[in-house]
Amino acid sequence: MKFEVTILGSSSATPIFNRNPSAQALNINEHYYLVDCGEGTQQQMLRFDIKASRIDHIFISHLHGDHYLGLVGLLSSMHLNGRTRTLKLFCPEPLKEIIEIQLKYSDTTLQYNIEYCFTNSSVAEKILETQDLVVESIPLDHRIACTGFLFKQKKRLRKLIKEKIAELDISVEYYSAIKKGADYTAPNGKIFLNNELTFDPELPKSYAYCSDTQYNENYFAQIKGVDLLYHEATFTHSMLSRAEITHHTTALQAAEIAKITQAKRLIIGHFSARYKTLNELLDEAQSVFPATELAIEGKTFSIE
């Protein structure tokens, strides 16, 4: 099953040359999810072949402009391109007023419905559940209400060994129970153990998106053991005092969080515009957590 994260934007506060504000696209078994939508996200989607028509769920972490100022333009383009399918928008409640007032004064009536799902920055909640996926909000510690998002695949049923099933001529009516782990008793009374009839499904995969936050252990338990962790790393640790004033995290702290929570891999992003190159941020994080990579725009991270 495909589980990919494509970086569309990795800059904090303001865009700079070759780095746009925060945005990511997730492809989970050919279902697409947009996480944050900073200025220029539409252009990045075109550049990296992320089709807006395939996105039915958008998640906005908080209402600092670098995380949502590209959204109204994207919604408008969806309208102009003939979208009629409902879009689910997970966001802080005031974003609804921001969107509606812009639509009002541009005399725009969208051809499709936006279903608003308001996030709560004070408590972790399950905000979306599909056949294959559960999404939870992650309460973060920023200057304004802010949540991250945890994407977790559901545990899948065991897979039938088709050749063995055919050999034993097992009726379809038994398939469901066998997939759930049951043994099979043949008409002659012989018992076939489940592991003779099935093999293990893929392990469920998980991705945590930790947007703007200062170091705070309150959310560590929720993200423990994730396959892939994105964590903001706005500054190097030499600027810890600035990070604390602005409620951000340093690259060193992001790596410590990955290590403490036993994440398998770490992506750092949300880089301050003061860093023209990112090597010092990467080196700092890798000194604590070697399995760290940079959120380079256009790069796709796969969970195998």
C-alpha atoms as a PDB file:
ATOM      1  CA  MET A   1       0.000   0.000   0.000  1.00  0.00           C
ATOM      2  CA  LYS A   2       1.337   3.403  -0.977  1.00  0.00           C
ATOM      3  CA  PHE A   3       2.054   5.863   1.830  1.00  0.00           C
ATOM      4  CA  GLU A   4       3.945   8.936   0.635  1.00  0.00           C
ATOM      5  CA  VAL A   5       4.580  12.493   1.800  1.00  0.00           C
ATOM      6  CA  THR A   6       5.579  15.130  -0.766  1.00  0.00           C
ATOM      7  CA  ILE A   7       7.000  18.413   0.500  1.00  0.00           C
ATOM      8  CA  LEU A   8       5.460  21.458  -1.194  1.00  0.00           C
ATOM      9  CA  GLY A   9       6.735  24.137   1.178  1.00  0.00           C
ATOM     10  CA  SER A  10       9.300  24.193   3.987  1.00  0.00           C
ATOM     11  CA  SER A  11       9.942  27.828   4.865  1.00  0.00           C
ATOM     12  CA  SER A  12       8.728  29.600   7.990  1.00  0.00           C
ATOM     13  CA  ALA A  13       7.018  33.004   8.159  1.00  0.00           C
ATOM     14  CA  THR A  14       8.089  34.287   4.722  1.00  0.00           C
ATOM     15  CA  PRO A  15       9.000  32.651   1.414  1.00  0.00           C
ATOM     16  CA  ILE A  16      12.573  32.994   0.241  1.00  0.00           C
ATOM     17  CA  PHE A  17      14.348  31.929  -2.920  1.00  0.00           C
ATOM     18  CA  ASN A  18      13.681  28.181  -3.496  1.00  0.00           C
ATOM     19  CA  ARG A  19      11.628  27.774  -0.285  1.00  0.00           C
ATOM     20  CA  ASN A  20       7.880  28.387   0.001  1.00  0.00           C
ATOM     21  CA  PRO A  21       5.778  28.443   3.187  1.00  0.00           C
ATOM     22  CA  SER A  22       4.439  25.246   4.719  1.00  0.00           C
ATOM     23  CA  ALA A  23       2.468  22.723   2.681  1.00  0.00           C
ATOM     24  CA  GLN A  24       2.588  18.961   2.207  1.00  0.00           C
ATOM     25  CA  ALA A  25       0.647  16.436   0.137  1.00  0.00           C
ATOM     26  CA  LEU A  26       0.024  12.908   1.394  1.00  0.00           C
ATOM     27  CA  ASN A  27      -0.785  10.020  -0.924  1.00  0.00           C
ATOM     28  CA  ILE A  28      -2.209   7.161   1.110  1.00  0.00           C
ATOM     29  CA  ASN A  29      -3.264   4.343  -1.178  1.00  0.00           C
ATOM     30  CA  GLU A  30      -4.130   6.855  -3.926  1.00  0.00           C
ATOM     31  CA  HIS A  31      -6.215   9.017  -1.601  1.00  0.00           C
ATOM     32  CA  TYR A  32      -4.720  12.521  -1.394  1.00  0.00           C
ATOM     33  CA  TYR A  33      -4.612  14.825   1.636  1.00  0.00           C
ATOM     34  CA  LEU A  34      -3.246  18.384   1.788  1.00  0.00           C
ATOM     35  CA  VAL A  35      -1.626  19.463   5.057  1.00  0.00           C
ATOM     36  CA  ASP A  36      -1.291  23.242   5.439  1.00  0.00           C
ATOM     37  CA  CYS A  37      -1.515  25.564   2.465  1.00  0.00           C
ATOM     38  CA  GLY A  38       0.923  28.440   2.581  1.00  0.00           C
ATOM     39  CA  GLU A  39       1.321  31.083  -0.112  1.00  0.00           C
ATOM     40  CA  GLY A  40       2.246  29.560  -3.480  1.00  0.00           C
ATOM     41  CA  THR A  41       0.919  26.069  -2.744  1.00  0.00           C
ATOM     42  CA  GLN A  42      -1.064  25.965  -6.008  1.00  0.00           C
ATOM     43  CA  GLN A  43       2.073  26.635  -8.027  1.00  0.00           C
ATOM     44  CA  GLN A  44       3.941  23.949  -6.113  1.00  0.00           C
ATOM     45  CA  MET A  45       1.144  21.458  -6.746  1.00  0.00           C
ATOM     46  CA  LEU A  46       1.385  22.153 -10.464  1.00  0.00           C
ATOM     47  CA  ARG A  47       5.164  21.931 -10.350  1.00  0.00           C
ATOM     48  CA  PHE A  48       5.189  18.561  -8.601  1.00  0.00           C
ATOM     49  CA  ASP A  49       2.133  17.047 -10.306  1.00  0.00           C
ATOM     50  CA  ILE A  50      -0.235  17.026  -7.336  1.00  0.00           C
ATOM     51  CA  LYS A  51      -3.716  17.301  -8.833  1.00  0.00           C
ATOM     52  CA  ALA A  52      -6.091  19.499  -6.813  1.00  0.00           C
ATOM     53  CA  SER A  53      -9.033  17.557  -8.204  1.00  0.00           C
ATOM     54  CA  ARG A  54      -7.892  14.493  -6.248  1.00  0.00           C
ATOM     55  CA  ILE A  55      -7.834  16.254  -2.877  1.00  0.00           C
ATOM     56  CA  ASP A  56     -10.949  15.801  -0.743  1.00  0.00           C
ATOM     57  CA  HIS A  57      -9.431  16.587   2.677  1.00  0.00           C
ATOM     58  CA  ILE A  58      -7.392  19.632   3.720  1.00  0.00           C
ATOM     59  CA  PHE A  59      -5.838  20.065   7.179  1.00  0.00           C
ATOM     60  CA  ILE A  60      -4.787  23.514   8.443  1.00  0.00           C
ATOM     61  CA  SER A  61      -2.696  23.490  11.611  1.00  0.00           C
ATOM     62  CA  HIS A  62      -3.176  27.108  12.714  1.00  0.00           C
ATOM     63  CA  LEU A  63      -3.870  30.631  11.548  1.00  0.00           C
ATOM     64  CA  HIS A  64      -0.446  32.129  11.059  1.00  0.00           C
ATOM     65  CA  GLY A  65      -0.372  33.210   7.441  1.00  0.00           C
ATOM     66  CA  ASP A  66       2.474  30.983   6.329  1.00  0.00           C
ATOM     67  CA  HIS A  67       0.196  27.996   6.921  1.00  0.00           C
ATOM     68  CA  TYR A  68      -3.027  29.056   5.206  1.00  0.00           C
ATOM     69  CA  LEU A  69      -2.672  32.140   2.963  1.00  0.00           C
ATOM     70  CA  GLY A  70      -2.666  29.963  -0.164  1.00  0.00           C
ATOM     71  CA  LEU A  71      -5.967  28.345   0.735  1.00  0.00           C
ATOM     72  CA  VAL A  72      -8.544  30.816  -0.620  1.00  0.00           C
ATOM     73  CA  GLY A  73      -6.810  30.852  -3.992  1.00  0.00           C
ATOM     74  CA  LEU A  74      -6.816  27.055  -4.097  1.00  0.00           C
ATOM     75  CA  LEU A  75     -10.508  26.893  -3.151  1.00  0.00           C
ATOM     76  CA  SER A  76     -11.289  29.429  -5.857  1.00  0.00           C
ATOM     77  CA  SER A  77      -9.362  27.475  -8.485  1.00  0.00           C
ATOM     78  CA  MET A  78     -11.223  24.291  -7.531  1.00  0.00           C
ATOM     79  CA  HIS A  79     -14.455  26.219  -8.125  1.00  0.00           C
ATOM     80  CA  LEU A  80     -13.305  27.622 -11.486  1.00  0.00           C
ATOM     81  CA  ASN A  81     -12.180  24.159 -12.598  1.00  0.00           C
ATOM     82  CA  GLY A  82     -15.670  22.779 -12.076  1.00  0.00           C
ATOM     83  CA  ARG A  83     -15.432  20.961  -8.777  1.00  0.00           C
ATOM     84  CA  THR A  84     -18.794  19.816  -7.395  1.00  0.00           C
ATOM     85  CA  ARG A  85     -17.644  17.219  -4.859  1.00  0.00           C
ATOM     86  CA  THR A  86     -17.710  18.163  -1.153  1.00  0.00           C
ATOM     87  CA  LEU A  87     -14.373  19.189   0.375  1.00  0.00           C
ATOM     88  CA  LYS A  88     -13.659  18.461   4.043  1.00  0.00           C
ATOM     89  CA  LEU A  89     -11.631  21.175   5.770  1.00  0.00           C
ATOM     90  CA  PHE A  90     -10.104  20.471   9.202  1.00  0.00           C
ATOM     91  CA  CYS A  91      -9.092  23.763  10.758  1.00  0.00           C
ATOM     92  CA  PRO A  92      -9.433  26.261  13.610  1.00  0.00           C
ATOM     93  CA  GLU A  93     -12.977  27.650  13.719  1.00  0.00           C
ATOM     94  CA  PRO A  94     -12.092  31.288  12.794  1.00  0.00           C
ATOM     95  CA  LEU A  95     -10.863  30.126   9.376  1.00  0.00           C
ATOM     96  CA  LYS A  96     -14.490  29.703   8.291  1.00  0.00           C
ATOM     97  CA  GLU A  97     -15.090  33.447   8.799  1.00  0.00           C
ATOM     98  CA  ILE A  98     -11.861  34.303   6.945  1.00  0.00           C
ATOM     99  CA  ILE A  99     -12.880  32.225   3.931  1.00  0.00           C
ATOM    100  CA  GLU A 100     -16.488  33.386   3.874  1.00  0.00           C
ATOM    101  CA  ILE A 101     -15.642  37.091   4.041  1.00  0.00           C
ATOM    102  CA  GLN A 102     -13.254  36.764   1.094  1.00  0.00           C
ATOM    103  CA  LEU A 103     -15.852  34.878  -0.912  1.00  0.00           C
ATOM    104  CA  LYS A 104     -18.458  37.478   0.035  1.00  0.00           C
ATOM    105  CA  TYR A 105     -16.469  40.493  -1.172  1.00  0.00           C
ATOM    106  CA  SER A 106     -15.391  38.771  -4.376  1.00  0.00           C
ATOM    107  CA  ASP A 107     -19.061  37.881  -5.018  1.00  0.00           C
ATOM    108  CA  THR A 108     -18.136  34.200  -5.317  1.00  0.00           C
ATOM    109  CA  THR A 109     -20.487  31.311  -4.632  1.00  0.00           C
ATOM    110  CA  LEU A 110     -18.617  28.029  -4.732  1.00  0.00           C
ATOM    111  CA  GLN A 111     -20.122  25.250  -6.843  1.00  0.00           C
ATOM    112  CA  TYR A 112     -19.166  22.744  -4.162  1.00  0.00           C
ATOM    113  CA  ASN A 113     -19.752  22.443  -0.441  1.00  0.00           C
ATOM    114  CA  ILE A 114     -17.044  22.908   2.200  1.00  0.00           C
ATOM    115  CA  GLU A 115     -17.642  20.705   5.216  1.00  0.00           C
ATOM    116  CA  TYR A 116     -15.870  22.375   8.132  1.00  0.00           C
ATOM    117  CA  CYS A 117     -14.465  20.182  10.896  1.00  0.00           C
ATOM    118  CA  PHE A 118     -13.118  22.429  13.637  1.00  0.00           C
ATOM    119  CA  THR A 119     -10.034  21.358  15.566  1.00  0.00           C
ATOM    120  CA  ASN A 120      -9.487  21.681  19.310  1.00  0.00           C
ATOM    121  CA  SER A 121      -5.947  22.680  20.261  1.00  0.00           C
ATOM    122  CA  SER A 122      -6.369  21.669  23.910  1.00  0.00           C
ATOM    123  CA  VAL A 123      -7.062  17.952  23.491  1.00  0.00           C
ATOM    124  CA  ALA A 124      -6.125  15.134  21.108  1.00  0.00           C
ATOM    125  CA  GLU A 125      -9.145  13.962  19.120  1.00  0.00           C
ATOM    126  CA  LYS A 126      -9.964  11.541  16.335  1.00  0.00           C
ATOM    127  CA  ILE A 127     -11.050  13.909  13.576  1.00  0.00           C
ATOM    128  CA  LEU A 128     -11.343  11.563  10.590  1.00  0.00           C
ATOM    129  CA  GLU A 129     -11.893   7.859  10.101  1.00  0.00           C
ATOM    130  CA  THR A 130     -12.090   6.067   6.758  1.00  0.00           C
ATOM    131  CA  GLN A 131     -12.044   2.400   5.828  1.00  0.00           C
ATOM    132  CA  ASP A 132      -8.241   2.338   5.974  1.00  0.00           C
ATOM    133  CA  LEU A 133      -7.180   5.383   7.985  1.00  0.00           C
ATOM    134  CA  VAL A 134      -7.584   7.254  11.254  1.00  0.00           C
ATOM    135  CA  VAL A 135      -6.457  10.874  11.649  1.00  0.00           C
ATOM    136  CA  GLU A 136      -5.968  12.441  15.081  1.00  0.00           C
ATOM    137  CA  SER A 137      -5.262  16.043  16.024  1.00  0.00           C
ATOM    138  CA  ILE A 138      -2.097  16.660  18.061  1.00  0.00           C
ATOM    139  CA  PRO A 139      -2.314  19.566  20.553  1.00  0.00           C
ATOM    140  CA  LEU A 140       0.836  21.675  20.180  1.00  0.00           C
ATOM    141  CA  ASP A 141       2.345  24.557  22.146  1.00  0.00           C
ATOM    142  CA  HIS A 142       2.528  27.640  19.941  1.00  0.00           C
ATOM    143  CA  ARG A 143       1.715  31.343  20.376  1.00  0.00           C
ATOM    144  CA  ILE A 144      -1.790  30.758  19.049  1.00  0.00           C
ATOM    145  CA  ALA A 145      -4.043  27.684  18.927  1.00  0.00           C
ATOM    146  CA  CYS A 146      -2.225  25.070  16.881  1.00  0.00           C
ATOM    147  CA  THR A 147      -2.564  21.357  16.170  1.00  0.00           C
ATOM    148  CA  GLY A 148      -0.490  18.787  14.411  1.00  0.00           C
ATOM    149  CA  PHE A 149      -1.974  15.750  12.707  1.00  0.00           C
ATOM    150  CA  LEU A 150      -1.320  12.035  13.159  1.00  0.00           C
ATOM    151  CA  PHE A 151      -2.190   9.775  10.224  1.00  0.00           C
ATOM    152  CA  LYS A 152      -2.479   6.094  11.166  1.00  0.00           C
ATOM    153  CA  GLN A 153      -3.433   3.206   8.927  1.00  0.00           C
ATOM    154  CA  LYS A 154      -5.789   0.665  10.400  1.00  0.00           C
ATOM    155  CA  LYS A 155      -4.599  -2.877  10.945  1.00  0.00           C
ATOM    156  CA  ARG A 156      -5.508  -4.854   7.853  1.00  0.00           C
ATOM    157  CA  LEU A 157      -6.974  -8.341   7.658  1.00  0.00           C
ATOM    158  CA  ARG A 158      -4.770 -11.346   6.969  1.00  0.00           C
ATOM    159  CA  LYS A 159      -4.293 -12.238   3.311  1.00  0.00           C
ATOM    160  CA  LEU A 160      -5.526 -15.550   1.902  1.00  0.00           C
ATOM    161  CA  ILE A 161      -3.078 -17.932   0.281  1.00  0.00           C
ATOM    162  CA  LYS A 162      -5.139 -18.364  -2.862  1.00  0.00           C
ATOM    163  CA  GLU A 163      -3.486 -21.570  -3.973  1.00  0.00           C
ATOM    164  CA  LYS A 164      -4.147 -23.253  -0.609  1.00  0.00           C
ATOM    165  CA  ILE A 165      -7.727 -22.011  -0.499  1.00  0.00           C
ATOM    166  CA  ALA A 166      -8.333 -23.403  -4.003  1.00  0.00           C
ATOM    167  CA  GLU A 167      -6.616 -26.698  -3.181  1.00  0.00           C
ATOM    168  CA  LEU A 168      -8.919 -27.254  -0.196  1.00  0.00           C
ATOM    169  CA  ASP A 169     -11.936 -25.929  -2.120  1.00  0.00           C
ATOM    170  CA  ILE A 170     -12.888 -23.688   0.803  1.00  0.00           C
ATOM    171  CA  SER A 171     -16.249 -21.984   0.344  1.00  0.00           C
ATOM    172  CA  VAL A 172     -16.381 -18.188   0.088  1.00  0.00           C
ATOM    173  CA  GLU A 173     -18.548 -18.043   3.208  1.00  0.00           C
ATOM    174  CA  TYR A 174     -15.481 -18.925   5.332  1.00  0.00           C
ATOM    175  CA  TYR A 175     -13.182 -16.255   3.861  1.00  0.00           C
ATOM    176  CA  SER A 176     -14.118 -13.476   6.271  1.00  0.00           C
ATOM    177  CA  ALA A 177     -13.495 -15.560   9.394  1.00  0.00           C
ATOM    178  CA  ILE A 178     -10.211 -16.913   8.035  1.00  0.00           C
ATOM    179  CA  LYS A 179      -9.010 -13.385   7.191  1.00  0.00           C
ATOM    180  CA  LYS A 180      -9.759 -12.431  10.800  1.00  0.00           C
ATOM    181  CA  GLY A 181      -7.571 -15.277  12.081  1.00  0.00           C
ATOM    182  CA  ALA A 182      -9.860 -18.289  12.394  1.00  0.00           C
ATOM    183  CA  ASP A 183      -8.695 -21.831  11.674  1.00  0.00           C
ATOM    184  CA  TYR A 184     -10.598 -23.955   9.161  1.00  0.00           C
ATOM    185  CA  THR A 185     -12.180 -27.336   9.764  1.00  0.00           C
ATOM    186  CA  ALA A 186     -12.573 -29.368   6.586  1.00  0.00           C
ATOM    187  CA  PRO A 187     -15.668 -31.556   5.986  1.00  0.00           C
ATOM    188  CA  ASN A 188     -13.602 -34.633   6.956  1.00  0.00           C
ATOM    189  CA  GLY A 189     -12.839 -33.055  10.334  1.00  0.00           C
ATOM    190  CA  LYS A 190      -9.210 -32.147   9.620  1.00  0.00           C
ATOM    191  CA  ILE A 191      -8.206 -28.776  11.082  1.00  0.00           C
ATOM    192  CA  PHE A 192      -6.032 -26.405   9.095  1.00  0.00           C
ATOM    193  CA  LEU A 193      -4.355 -23.731  11.186  1.00  0.00           C
ATOM    194  CA  ASN A 194      -4.781 -20.144  10.076  1.00  0.00           C
ATOM    195  CA  ASN A 195      -1.092 -19.691   9.287  1.00  0.00           C
ATOM    196  CA  GLU A 196      -1.411 -22.505   6.712  1.00  0.00           C
ATOM    197  CA  LEU A 197      -4.122 -20.560   4.909  1.00  0.00           C
ATOM    198  CA  THR A 198      -3.026 -16.947   5.224  1.00  0.00           C
ATOM    199  CA  PHE A 199       0.009 -14.734   5.442  1.00  0.00           C
ATOM    200  CA  ASP A 200       0.599 -11.565   7.409  1.00  0.00           C
ATOM    201  CA  PRO A 201      -0.782  -8.300   6.026  1.00  0.00           C
ATOM    202  CA  GLU A 202       1.410  -5.231   5.666  1.00  0.00           C
ATOM    203  CA  LEU A 203       2.094  -3.565   8.980  1.00  0.00           C
ATOM    204  CA  PRO A 204       0.003  -0.392   9.430  1.00  0.00           C
ATOM    205  CA  LYS A 205       1.990   2.777   8.729  1.00  0.00           C
ATOM    206  CA  SER A 206       1.921   6.089  10.537  1.00  0.00           C
ATOM    207  CA  TYR A 207       2.942   9.699   9.947  1.00  0.00           C
ATOM    208  CA  ALA A 208       2.971  12.569  12.440  1.00  0.00           C
ATOM    209  CA  TYR A 209       2.968  16.179  11.275  1.00  0.00           C
ATOM    210  CA  CYS A 210       4.101  18.441  14.113  1.00  0.00           C
ATOM    211  CA  SER A 211       3.667  21.989  12.939  1.00  0.00           C
ATOM    212  CA  ASP A 212       4.709  25.092  14.875  1.00  0.00           C
ATOM    213  CA  THR A 213       5.425  24.335  18.526  1.00  0.00           C
ATOM    214  CA  GLN A 214       7.969  24.805  21.219  1.00  0.00           C
ATOM    215  CA  TYR A 215       9.457  21.791  22.998  1.00  0.00           C
ATOM    216  CA  ASN A 216       6.696  20.296  25.107  1.00  0.00           C
ATOM    217  CA  GLU A 217       6.488  16.689  26.279  1.00  0.00           C
ATOM    218  CA  ASN A 218       2.679  16.687  26.388  1.00  0.00           C
ATOM    219  CA  TYR A 219       2.338  15.266  22.876  1.00  0.00           C
ATOM    220  CA  PHE A 220       5.215  12.761  23.016  1.00  0.00           C
ATOM    221  CA  ALA A 221       3.119   9.759  24.050  1.00  0.00           C
ATOM    222  CA  GLN A 222       0.687  10.288  21.196  1.00  0.00           C
ATOM    223  CA  ILE A 223       3.368  10.160  18.497  1.00  0.00           C
ATOM    224  CA  LYS A 224       5.488   7.398  20.060  1.00  0.00           C
ATOM    225  CA  GLY A 225       6.827   4.896  17.549  1.00  0.00           C
ATOM    226  CA  VAL A 226       5.637   6.624  14.371  1.00  0.00           C
ATOM    227  CA  ASP A 227       7.192   5.435  11.134  1.00  0.00           C
ATOM    228  CA  LEU A 228       7.811   8.978   9.926  1.00  0.00           C
ATOM    229  CA  LEU A 229       7.837  12.171  11.982  1.00  0.00           C
ATOM    230  CA  TYR A 230       7.815  15.660  10.519  1.00  0.00           C
ATOM    231  CA  HIS A 231       8.805  18.199  13.128  1.00  0.00           C
ATOM    232  CA  GLU A 232       9.406  21.889  12.798  1.00  0.00           C
ATOM    233  CA  ALA A 233      13.015  22.968  13.346  1.00  0.00           C
ATOM    234  CA  THR A 234      12.927  26.693  12.733  1.00  0.00           C
ATOM    235  CA  PHE A 235      16.304  27.543  14.284  1.00  0.00           C
ATOM    236  CA  THR A 236      19.641  26.035  15.234  1.00  0.00           C
ATOM    237  CA  HIS A 237      20.127  25.497  18.956  1.00  0.00           C
ATOM    238  CA  SER A 238      22.374  28.546  19.178  1.00  0.00           C
ATOM    239  CA  MET A 239      19.142  30.541  18.830  1.00  0.00           C
ATOM    240  CA  LEU A 240      17.265  28.699  21.570  1.00  0.00           C
ATOM    241  CA  SER A 241      16.228  31.930  23.279  1.00  0.00           C
ATOM    242  CA  ARG A 242      14.669  33.182  20.031  1.00  0.00           C
ATOM    243  CA  ALA A 243      12.931  29.809  19.587  1.00  0.00           C
ATOM    244  CA  GLU A 244      11.450  30.048  23.079  1.00  0.00           C
ATOM    245  CA  ILE A 245      10.239  33.629  22.572  1.00  0.00           C
ATOM    246  CA  THR A 246       8.496  32.700  19.312  1.00  0.00           C
ATOM    247  CA  HIS A 247       7.322  29.265  20.547  1.00  0.00           C
ATOM    248  CA  HIS A 248       9.365  27.307  18.044  1.00  0.00           C
ATOM    249  CA  THR A 249      11.728  24.340  18.157  1.00  0.00           C
ATOM    250  CA  THR A 250      15.416  24.039  17.317  1.00  0.00           C
ATOM    251  CA  ALA A 251      16.864  21.333  15.079  1.00  0.00           C
ATOM    252  CA  LEU A 252      18.548  19.778  18.116  1.00  0.00           C
ATOM    253  CA  GLN A 253      15.267  19.675  20.027  1.00  0.00           C
ATOM    254  CA  ALA A 254      13.425  18.137  17.063  1.00  0.00           C
ATOM    255  CA  ALA A 255      16.029  15.372  16.976  1.00  0.00           C
ATOM    256  CA  GLU A 256      15.710  14.820  20.717  1.00  0.00           C
ATOM    257  CA  ILE A 257      11.945  14.493  20.293  1.00  0.00           C
ATOM    258  CA  ALA A 258      12.416  11.894  17.549  1.00  0.00           C
ATOM    259  CA  LYS A 259      14.818   9.963  19.764  1.00  0.00           C
ATOM    260  CA  ILE A 260      12.605  10.096  22.867  1.00  0.00           C
ATOM    261  CA  THR A 261       9.469   9.089  20.956  1.00  0.00           C
ATOM    262  CA  GLN A 262      11.323   6.308  19.112  1.00  0.00           C
ATOM    263  CA  ALA A 263      10.325   7.563  15.689  1.00  0.00           C
ATOM    264  CA  LYS A 264      11.820   5.507  12.889  1.00  0.00           C
ATOM    265  CA  ARG A 265      12.661   8.508  10.684  1.00  0.00           C
ATOM    266  CA  LEU A 266      12.591  12.291  11.098  1.00  0.00           C
ATOM    267  CA  ILE A 267      11.983  15.088   8.611  1.00  0.00           C
ATOM    268  CA  ILE A 268      12.804  18.602   9.775  1.00  0.00           C
ATOM    269  CA  GLY A 269      11.326  21.706   8.175  1.00  0.00           C
ATOM    270  CA  HIS A 270       9.794  25.163   8.726  1.00  0.00           C
ATOM    271  CA  PHE A 271      13.212  26.737   8.332  1.00  0.00           C
ATOM    272  CA  SER A 272      13.826  30.370   9.199  1.00  0.00           C
ATOM    273  CA  ALA A 273      14.615  32.580   6.198  1.00  0.00           C
ATOM    274  CA  ARG A 274      17.878  33.515   7.907  1.00  0.00           C
ATOM    275  CA  TYR A 275      19.333  30.156   6.768  1.00  0.00           C
ATOM    276  CA  LYS A 276      20.288  30.367   3.110  1.00  0.00           C
ATOM    277  CA  THR A 277      21.643  26.815   3.244  1.00  0.00           C
ATOM    278  CA  LEU A 278      20.390  24.111   5.575  1.00  0.00           C
ATOM    279  CA  ASN A 279      23.468  22.016   6.293  1.00  0.00           C
ATOM    280  CA  GLU A 280      23.959  23.305   9.827  1.00  0.00           C
ATOM    281  CA  LEU A 281      20.384  22.445  10.760  1.00  0.00           C
ATOM    282  CA  LEU A 282      20.735  18.949   9.324  1.00  0.00           C
ATOM    283  CA  ASP A 283      24.120  18.360  10.976  1.00  0.00           C
ATOM    284  CA  GLU A 284      22.771  19.483  14.333  1.00  0.00           C
ATOM    285  CA  ALA A 285      19.777  17.134  14.144  1.00  0.00           C
ATOM    286  CA  GLN A 286      21.796  14.174  12.863  1.00  0.00           C
ATOM    287  CA  SER A 287      24.217  14.522  15.775  1.00  0.00           C
ATOM    288  CA  VAL A 288      21.350  13.309  17.985  1.00  0.00           C
ATOM    289  CA  PHE A 289      19.139  11.371  15.569  1.00  0.00           C
ATOM    290  CA  PRO A 290      21.034  10.099  12.496  1.00  0.00           C
ATOM    291  CA  ALA A 291      17.866   9.100  10.586  1.00  0.00           C
ATOM    292  CA  THR A 292      17.044  12.761   9.926  1.00  0.00           C
ATOM    293  CA  GLU A 293      16.373  14.306   6.522  1.00  0.00           C
ATOM    294  CA  LEU A 294      15.564  17.798   5.321  1.00  0.00           C
ATOM    295  CA  ALA A 295      12.126  18.794   4.047  1.00  0.00           C
ATOM    296  CA  ILE A 296      13.380  19.646   0.577  1.00  0.00           C
ATOM    297  CA  GLU A 297      10.613  20.902  -1.693  1.00  0.00           C
ATOM    298  CA  GLY A 298       9.580  18.388  -4.304  1.00  0.00           C
ATOM    299  CA  LYS A 299      11.043  15.485  -2.372  1.00  0.00           C
ATOM    300  CA  THR A 300       8.742  12.550  -1.676  1.00  0.00           C
ATOM    301  CA  PHE A 301       9.229  10.415   1.420  1.00  0.00           C
ATOM    302  CA  SER A 302       7.830   6.890   1.232  1.00  0.00           C
ATOM    303  CA  ILE A 303       7.045   4.599   4.132  1.00  0.00           C
ATOM    304  CA  GLU A 304       7.799   1.105   2.876  1.00  0.00           C
END
